[in-house]
Each structure stands twice: as C-alpha cells, then as structure tokens.
Amino acid sequence: MTSALGVAAITFFIVVCCCPVLIRGLRTLKLTQPIRSELPADHQAKRGTPLMAGIILLAGALAPLMSHRGGFALLLSAMFALFSLVGFLDDYKKAAFQDPSGISGRTKLILQFVVTGILLLVLYRYLPFNPGIYFHSEMQLSLHPGVYIVLAMLFIVGSANAINFTDGLDGLLIVVAIPTYFFFFAVSDRLEVQLFCLTMIGGLLGLLLYNIYPARAFMGDTGSLAIGGSLSFLAVIEKVEILIPLLFFVYFAEQLSVILQVWYYKKTKVRIFKMTPIHYHFSLKYGWSENKIVLIFGLVSWCCSVASWLLWKFVL
C-alpha cells in the first residue's frame, strides 16, 4: 500500500509539473476549444482555452505498469489509452478545424464498441473472470459468455458516454470521478486495480489545479471519454453491477436529462430543463455558479460512493 501511495504521489507531481508545458504547447499549436453557439454567454468567454489537456492523465493510467504488470493492470491501462485515443481524434477535429461537432457520433460509437469488445474478449479468455451478474454474495445470474460480453459492451459504452456528459463545467468531472475511483480502490482486493485507482486519483488531483474554475485548460474527450471507459470497465472487473445505479447516479442523471429533454421536446415542443446536461439547468434556472455546482455534484458523488461501499461491505 505504501508503494501504491508513492506511485500516486509521483503521478500527482508529474501532472502538476508537466501541465504548464502542455498548456503552452496546445496554445502555441492553436489547439483550443470551440464553443457551441447555444451555450450560455459565460461559456462563450471560454473560447480559445487549450483543449486535450486530458492526455496528461495517461501518466496516471500507465503508471501501474511500471511497478505491477498484471493482466488487469494491462487491460485497465489499455482501456484508458484506447478510449483516450478515440477522444483525441474527436478533440483534434474540434480544435484544429474549430468545429464543435468533432467526429461523427456514429464513428465514435463504432470505435468504442470495437475497443470494448476486444478487451472484454481478452478479459474472458486470458484472466480469471466469471461472466455472470452478481446480485448478492450467494446469488448471481450466470450467462453464456457471448451474451455477457454483448451486455457488458452495451453497459461500458453507454456508461462511458454518460460519464462524458458530466464534463461540461470547469473541474466538474474530476471532482465527481475521484470518489468513484476511490470506491473501486476500497472494494477491490487486487493490488493492480488498487494501484490503478490511486494513480488515477493522483493524476486527477494534479490536473484539477489547472482545470478548476477558471480553467486554464480543458481535458476534452481525450480525458473524459477515457475516464468513462476505465470506470465502466472497473465496474465489470469488480462485479458490482447491482450497485451501478447508485454508484453512477450523477453520471446517469446527466445522461437521462439529455434523453428526457429530447424525447419530451419532440412530443410537446416544451423543454423540461432550461438546458441539458442537467448541470446547465442549475446554472440557468437557479443562478448557481460553476464552483457551487461542482461542489454539490462532488458531494453527491461522495455520498453515492460511500453508500455503495457500505452496501457492498455490510449487505451484499
């Protein structure tokens, strides 16, 4: 455990020291964030902020491989790196061509499904893994491996994109994701998983110093999609399916707000929320500042993570 904390601390300092250089490089290359026209006026002022700073989180994702090269560490690092690559392709088109739409949603989904399917096959084929859904320590639903892999693919890609929706305000996703990584650190009995979670927390804390309001750089999909992929993959590895609605509450609320808004508007031409994802609603309707939204969403995430741990520890 001491060595894991040491690697996490080193990751934190690497990110803190390297971020200024990365930010200057992104600004020099003019790889900056284009802002969608429908976003509020205070967001329009963020135009020109360097994008793709999430690439620095690879320091945290790959750090476990330096001291522990187990199969789960390799898969988690691969999931993070490959989802980061998908996000990078999207961010690069946004930044280089100042096109807020990036690559097509269909292309992003196809790439995510391909990456997820390959890594799930590797997980099932080469590592000790049970393709079942756990409801309790004495109760599980056993599934055919093929069926489980398909369901897991849908869950991982869907959840990764829900988590990606949360990256809409300065520091929001980082503050919400840290408790979720801490939950997986607390429930896992695999050293390599614990190490991965701790180093990711270290990297996120380092990046937060530059991403908190007013952000000096945005992580972009390069970071947020990778965070989403790795957290969702962790849920599959640690077999905590039954806890996902609670553990991922903030992420699913963000995604569900978008789905409900689109569905209801198509039927009635009336909007349920001022703007979605729902974090914008609190800003526009109640006048909450970015820091207030980040703080409250972060507290909700901590509550969900602690409640999930208590259920896992004493009930399931």
Protein backbone atom coordinates (compact mmCIF):
# COMPACT_ATOMS: atom_id res chain seq x y z
CA MET A 1 0.00 0.00 0.00
CA THR A 2 2.85 2.37 0.80
CA SER A 3 4.37 1.81 -2.64
CA ALA A 4 0.96 2.44 -4.28
CA LEU A 5 0.62 5.74 -2.44
CA GLY A 6 4.15 6.62 -3.52
CA VAL A 7 3.36 5.97 -7.20
CA ALA A 8 0.17 8.02 -6.87
CA ALA A 9 2.12 10.91 -5.31
CA ILE A 10 4.71 10.76 -8.10
CA THR A 11 1.90 10.81 -10.67
CA PHE A 12 0.43 13.89 -8.99
CA PHE A 13 3.73 15.77 -9.15
CA ILE A 14 4.38 14.70 -12.76
CA VAL A 15 0.99 16.05 -13.82
CA VAL A 16 1.43 19.27 -11.82
CA CYS A 17 4.89 19.91 -13.30
CA CYS A 18 4.08 18.92 -16.90
CA CYS A 19 0.70 20.64 -17.28
CA PRO A 20 2.12 24.18 -17.77
CA VAL A 21 4.35 22.89 -20.58
CA LEU A 22 1.44 21.01 -22.16
CA ILE A 23 -0.84 24.04 -21.92
CA ARG A 24 1.73 26.30 -23.59
CA GLY A 25 2.22 23.73 -26.34
CA LEU A 26 -1.51 23.41 -27.01
CA ARG A 27 -1.86 27.18 -27.10
CA THR A 28 1.11 27.53 -29.47
CA LEU A 29 -0.40 24.91 -31.79
CA LYS A 30 -3.76 26.71 -31.52
CA LEU A 31 -5.48 23.54 -30.35
CA THR A 32 -8.17 25.36 -28.45
CA GLN A 33 -11.79 24.74 -27.52
CA PRO A 34 -14.52 25.89 -29.93
CA ILE A 35 -17.74 26.74 -28.06
CA ARG A 36 -21.18 25.69 -29.25
CA SER A 37 -23.31 28.76 -30.02
CA GLU A 38 -26.25 27.58 -27.89
CA LEU A 39 -24.22 27.52 -24.66
CA PRO A 40 -24.66 30.38 -22.14
CA ALA A 41 -22.75 33.64 -22.51
CA ASP A 42 -20.33 32.86 -19.68
CA HIS A 43 -19.25 29.77 -21.62
CA GLN A 44 -18.69 31.76 -24.79
CA ALA A 45 -15.95 33.61 -22.91
CA LYS A 46 -14.07 30.30 -22.64
CA ARG A 47 -13.44 30.20 -26.38
CA GLY A 48 -9.73 29.78 -27.03
CA THR A 49 -8.99 27.73 -23.90
CA PRO A 50 -6.48 24.95 -24.71
CA LEU A 51 -8.15 21.59 -25.33
CA MET A 52 -6.95 17.97 -24.96
CA ALA A 53 -5.16 18.51 -21.64
CA GLY A 54 -6.65 15.16 -20.61
CA ILE A 55 -3.77 13.50 -22.44
CA ILE A 56 -1.68 14.17 -19.31
CA LEU A 57 -3.83 11.63 -17.45
CA LEU A 58 -2.06 8.88 -19.36
CA ALA A 59 0.67 9.37 -16.75
CA GLY A 60 -1.73 8.03 -14.17
CA ALA A 61 -3.23 5.34 -16.36
CA LEU A 62 0.13 3.88 -17.40
CA ALA A 63 1.98 4.35 -14.09
CA PRO A 64 0.77 0.98 -12.63
CA LEU A 65 2.61 -0.83 -15.41
CA MET A 66 5.91 0.49 -14.07
CA SER A 67 5.59 -1.45 -10.82
CA HIS A 68 2.93 -4.11 -11.41
CA ARG A 69 2.38 -5.61 -14.86
CA GLY A 70 -0.52 -7.91 -14.08
CA GLY A 71 -3.23 -8.69 -16.59
CA PHE A 72 -5.84 -6.44 -15.02
CA ALA A 73 -3.42 -3.52 -14.92
CA LEU A 74 -2.65 -4.03 -18.60
CA LEU A 75 -6.33 -4.15 -19.54
CA LEU A 76 -7.25 -1.09 -17.49
CA SER A 77 -4.36 0.89 -18.94
CA ALA A 78 -5.26 -0.29 -22.44
CA MET A 79 -8.91 0.68 -21.96
CA PHE A 80 -7.92 4.14 -20.76
CA ALA A 81 -5.37 4.69 -23.52
CA LEU A 82 -7.60 3.46 -26.36
CA PHE A 83 -10.66 5.42 -25.22
CA SER A 84 -8.35 8.40 -24.83
CA LEU A 85 -7.28 7.91 -28.45
CA VAL A 86 -10.92 7.94 -29.59
CA GLY A 87 -11.44 11.13 -27.61
CA PHE A 88 -8.25 12.62 -29.04
CA LEU A 89 -9.49 12.10 -32.59
CA ASP A 90 -12.68 13.93 -31.69
CA ASP A 91 -10.86 16.73 -29.87
CA TYR A 92 -8.32 17.19 -32.65
CA LYS A 93 -11.02 17.79 -35.24
CA LYS A 94 -12.76 20.22 -32.88
CA ALA A 95 -9.59 22.14 -32.09
CA ALA A 96 -7.75 22.05 -35.41
CA PHE A 97 -10.80 22.95 -37.51
CA GLN A 98 -12.70 24.87 -34.79
CA ASP A 99 -15.64 22.53 -35.35
CA PRO A 100 -17.64 21.97 -32.11
CA SER A 101 -19.21 18.80 -33.54
CA GLY A 102 -15.90 16.88 -33.85
CA ILE A 103 -16.02 13.47 -35.50
CA SER A 104 -19.43 11.91 -36.06
CA GLY A 105 -21.20 10.29 -33.13
CA ARG A 106 -21.55 7.11 -35.15
CA THR A 107 -17.79 6.89 -35.72
CA LYS A 108 -17.10 7.44 -32.01
CA LEU A 109 -19.55 4.71 -31.02
CA ILE A 110 -18.17 2.21 -33.52
CA LEU A 111 -14.62 2.79 -32.28
CA GLN A 112 -15.73 2.44 -28.66
CA PHE A 113 -17.58 -0.81 -29.34
CA VAL A 114 -14.60 -2.26 -31.21
CA VAL A 115 -12.16 -1.40 -28.40
CA THR A 116 -14.54 -2.62 -25.70
CA GLY A 117 -15.33 -5.88 -27.47
CA ILE A 118 -11.66 -6.74 -27.98
CA LEU A 119 -10.71 -6.01 -24.37
CA LEU A 120 -13.69 -7.96 -22.99
CA LEU A 121 -12.70 -10.96 -25.10
CA VAL A 122 -9.15 -10.73 -23.75
CA LEU A 123 -10.52 -10.41 -20.20
CA TYR A 124 -12.67 -13.53 -20.58
CA ARG A 125 -10.09 -15.56 -22.49
CA TYR A 126 -6.91 -14.91 -20.52
CA LEU A 127 -7.84 -13.79 -16.99
CA PRO A 128 -9.80 -15.39 -14.15
CA PHE A 129 -13.22 -13.91 -14.75
CA ASN A 130 -16.79 -15.12 -14.27
CA PRO A 131 -19.29 -13.94 -16.92
CA GLY A 132 -22.18 -13.51 -14.53
CA ILE A 133 -24.14 -10.70 -12.91
CA TYR A 134 -23.85 -10.60 -9.13
CA PHE A 135 -26.85 -9.60 -7.01
CA HIS A 136 -25.53 -10.93 -3.70
CA SER A 137 -22.59 -12.96 -2.45
CA GLU A 138 -24.81 -16.02 -2.67
CA MET A 139 -26.85 -15.04 -5.70
CA GLN A 140 -25.78 -14.46 -9.28
CA LEU A 141 -27.20 -14.75 -12.75
CA SER A 142 -24.99 -16.98 -14.87
CA LEU A 143 -24.94 -16.05 -18.53
CA HIS A 144 -23.50 -17.50 -21.70
CA PRO A 145 -20.13 -15.76 -22.28
CA GLY A 146 -21.30 -14.35 -25.60
CA VAL A 147 -24.45 -12.88 -24.06
CA TYR A 148 -22.50 -11.43 -21.16
CA ILE A 149 -19.92 -9.81 -23.44
CA VAL A 150 -22.66 -8.16 -25.51
CA LEU A 151 -24.39 -6.84 -22.39
CA ALA A 152 -21.08 -5.67 -20.93
CA MET A 153 -20.24 -3.88 -24.18
CA LEU A 154 -23.55 -2.02 -24.10
CA PHE A 155 -23.04 -1.12 -20.45
CA ILE A 156 -19.45 0.09 -20.84
CA VAL A 157 -20.06 2.20 -23.94
CA GLY A 158 -23.33 3.60 -22.57
CA SER A 159 -21.84 4.41 -19.17
CA ALA A 160 -18.66 5.87 -20.69
CA ASN A 161 -20.74 8.33 -22.69
CA ALA A 162 -22.87 9.16 -19.64
CA ILE A 163 -19.68 9.99 -17.75
CA ASN A 164 -18.51 12.00 -20.76
CA PHE A 165 -21.66 14.18 -20.48
CA THR A 166 -20.53 15.20 -17.00
CA ASP A 167 -17.51 17.04 -18.41
CA GLY A 168 -19.32 20.33 -19.05
CA LEU A 169 -18.09 22.69 -16.34
CA ASP A 170 -14.61 23.55 -15.11
CA GLY A 171 -13.43 20.77 -12.80
CA LEU A 172 -16.83 19.02 -12.68
CA LEU A 173 -15.92 15.59 -13.99
CA ILE A 174 -12.69 15.43 -11.99
CA VAL A 175 -14.44 16.25 -8.72
CA VAL A 176 -17.22 13.73 -9.44
CA ALA A 177 -14.90 10.96 -10.70
CA ILE A 178 -12.44 10.95 -7.79
CA PRO A 179 -14.98 9.44 -5.32
CA THR A 180 -15.89 6.77 -7.88
CA TYR A 181 -12.26 5.75 -8.34
CA PHE A 182 -11.92 5.73 -4.54
CA PHE A 183 -14.87 3.33 -4.28
CA PHE A 184 -13.19 0.86 -6.62
CA PHE A 185 -9.96 1.22 -4.67
CA ALA A 186 -11.83 0.44 -1.43
CA VAL A 187 -13.73 -2.63 -2.67
CA SER A 188 -11.03 -4.29 -4.77
CA ASP A 189 -8.75 -6.99 -3.40
CA ARG A 190 -6.49 -6.79 -6.46
CA LEU A 191 -3.31 -4.79 -5.90
CA GLU A 192 -3.10 -3.77 -9.55
CA VAL A 193 -6.65 -2.40 -9.51
CA GLN A 194 -5.96 -0.50 -6.29
CA LEU A 195 -2.78 0.91 -7.80
CA PHE A 196 -4.59 1.98 -10.97
CA CYS A 197 -7.30 3.76 -8.96
CA LEU A 198 -4.82 5.55 -6.71
CA THR A 199 -2.66 6.74 -9.58
CA MET A 200 -5.73 7.98 -11.43
CA ILE A 201 -6.78 9.92 -8.33
CA GLY A 202 -3.27 11.39 -8.15
CA GLY A 203 -3.39 12.40 -11.81
CA LEU A 204 -6.86 13.89 -11.49
CA LEU A 205 -5.89 15.94 -8.46
CA GLY A 206 -2.90 17.28 -10.36
CA LEU A 207 -5.00 18.21 -13.39
CA LEU A 208 -7.67 19.77 -11.17
CA LEU A 209 -5.24 22.55 -10.24
CA TYR A 210 -5.41 23.69 -13.88
CA ASN A 211 -8.99 22.66 -14.66
CA ILE A 212 -10.85 24.21 -11.72
CA TYR A 213 -12.71 27.45 -12.48
CA PRO A 214 -11.48 29.46 -14.27
CA ALA A 215 -9.89 26.60 -16.19
CA ARG A 216 -6.52 27.16 -17.80
CA ALA A 217 -7.13 24.08 -19.97
CA PHE A 218 -9.92 21.60 -20.74
CA MET A 219 -9.35 17.86 -20.60
CA GLY A 220 -11.66 17.31 -23.58
CA ASP A 221 -12.91 13.90 -24.66
CA THR A 222 -9.25 12.86 -24.58
CA GLY A 223 -9.65 12.74 -20.81
CA SER A 224 -13.38 12.45 -20.15
CA LEU A 225 -14.08 9.55 -22.50
CA ALA A 226 -11.06 7.69 -21.12
CA ILE A 227 -12.25 8.26 -17.55
CA GLY A 228 -15.67 6.95 -18.57
CA GLY A 229 -14.25 3.86 -20.23
CA SER A 230 -11.98 2.97 -17.32
CA LEU A 231 -14.64 3.49 -14.62
CA SER A 232 -17.14 1.39 -16.56
CA PHE A 233 -14.54 -1.33 -17.13
CA LEU A 234 -13.72 -1.29 -13.41
CA ALA A 235 -17.40 -1.95 -12.67
CA VAL A 236 -17.27 -5.06 -14.85
CA ILE A 237 -13.97 -6.30 -13.40
CA GLU A 238 -15.09 -5.85 -9.79
CA LYS A 239 -18.57 -7.34 -10.42
CA VAL A 240 -20.53 -4.50 -8.79
CA GLU A 241 -23.36 -4.45 -11.36
CA ILE A 242 -26.08 -4.28 -8.71
CA LEU A 243 -24.60 -1.05 -7.30
CA ILE A 244 -24.21 0.81 -10.59
CA PRO A 245 -27.49 2.83 -10.42
CA LEU A 246 -26.34 4.26 -7.09
CA LEU A 247 -22.61 4.48 -7.75
CA PHE A 248 -23.06 6.12 -11.18
CA PHE A 249 -26.05 8.23 -10.07
CA VAL A 250 -24.57 11.60 -11.10
CA TYR A 251 -23.43 10.33 -14.50
CA PHE A 252 -26.78 8.68 -15.28
CA ALA A 253 -28.66 11.79 -14.14
CA GLU A 254 -26.65 13.82 -16.64
CA GLN A 255 -27.36 11.37 -19.45
CA LEU A 256 -31.02 10.86 -18.54
CA SER A 257 -31.63 14.60 -18.53
CA VAL A 258 -30.50 14.76 -22.16
CA ILE A 259 -32.64 11.78 -23.17
CA LEU A 260 -35.75 13.14 -21.41
CA GLN A 261 -35.23 16.62 -22.84
CA VAL A 262 -35.00 15.37 -26.42
CA TRP A 263 -37.91 12.90 -26.05
CA TYR A 264 -40.28 15.37 -24.36
CA TYR A 265 -39.44 18.23 -26.70
CA LYS A 266 -40.12 16.08 -29.77
CA LYS A 267 -43.55 15.19 -28.36
CA THR A 268 -44.64 18.55 -26.93
CA LYS A 269 -42.20 21.24 -28.19
CA VAL A 270 -41.72 22.09 -24.49
CA ARG A 271 -38.42 21.77 -22.64
CA ILE A 272 -38.32 20.10 -19.22
CA PHE A 273 -34.99 21.70 -18.35
CA LYS A 274 -33.53 25.08 -19.24
CA MET A 275 -30.61 23.24 -20.87
CA THR A 276 -29.06 19.80 -20.72
CA PRO A 277 -26.99 18.05 -19.48
CA ILE A 278 -28.63 18.94 -16.19
CA HIS A 279 -25.68 20.86 -14.72
CA TYR A 280 -26.54 23.71 -17.12
CA HIS A 281 -30.11 23.73 -15.77
CA PHE A 282 -28.93 24.61 -12.26
CA SER A 283 -26.87 27.45 -13.67
CA LEU A 284 -29.58 28.96 -15.87
CA LYS A 285 -32.63 28.39 -13.64
CA TYR A 286 -31.20 28.95 -10.17
CA GLY A 287 -28.15 31.07 -10.95
CA TRP A 288 -25.71 28.66 -9.32
CA SER A 289 -22.06 29.44 -10.00
CA GLU A 290 -19.83 26.84 -11.61
CA ASN A 291 -17.97 26.29 -8.35
CA LYS A 292 -21.25 25.74 -6.46
CA ILE A 293 -22.44 23.16 -9.00
CA VAL A 294 -19.07 21.40 -8.92
CA LEU A 295 -19.08 21.32 -5.12
CA ILE A 296 -22.64 19.98 -4.81
CA PHE A 297 -22.25 17.40 -7.57
CA GLY A 298 -18.98 16.30 -5.97
CA LEU A 299 -20.66 15.90 -2.57
CA VAL A 300 -23.45 13.87 -4.15
CA SER A 301 -20.84 11.65 -5.81
CA TRP A 302 -19.07 11.13 -2.46
CA CYS A 303 -22.39 10.23 -0.81
CA CYS A 304 -23.19 7.73 -3.57
CA SER A 305 -19.70 6.19 -3.37
CA VAL A 306 -19.77 5.86 0.43
CA ALA A 307 -23.32 4.44 0.37
CA SER A 308 -22.27 1.96 -2.32
CA TRP A 309 -19.27 0.89 -0.22
CA LEU A 310 -21.47 0.40 2.87
CA LEU A 311 -23.89 -1.75 0.87
CA TRP A 312 -21.02 -3.76 -0.60
CA LYS A 313 -19.36 -4.20 2.79
CA PHE A 314 -22.33 -4.99 5.02
CA VAL A 315 -25.26 -6.06 2.84
CA LEU A 316 -24.14 -7.73 -0.39
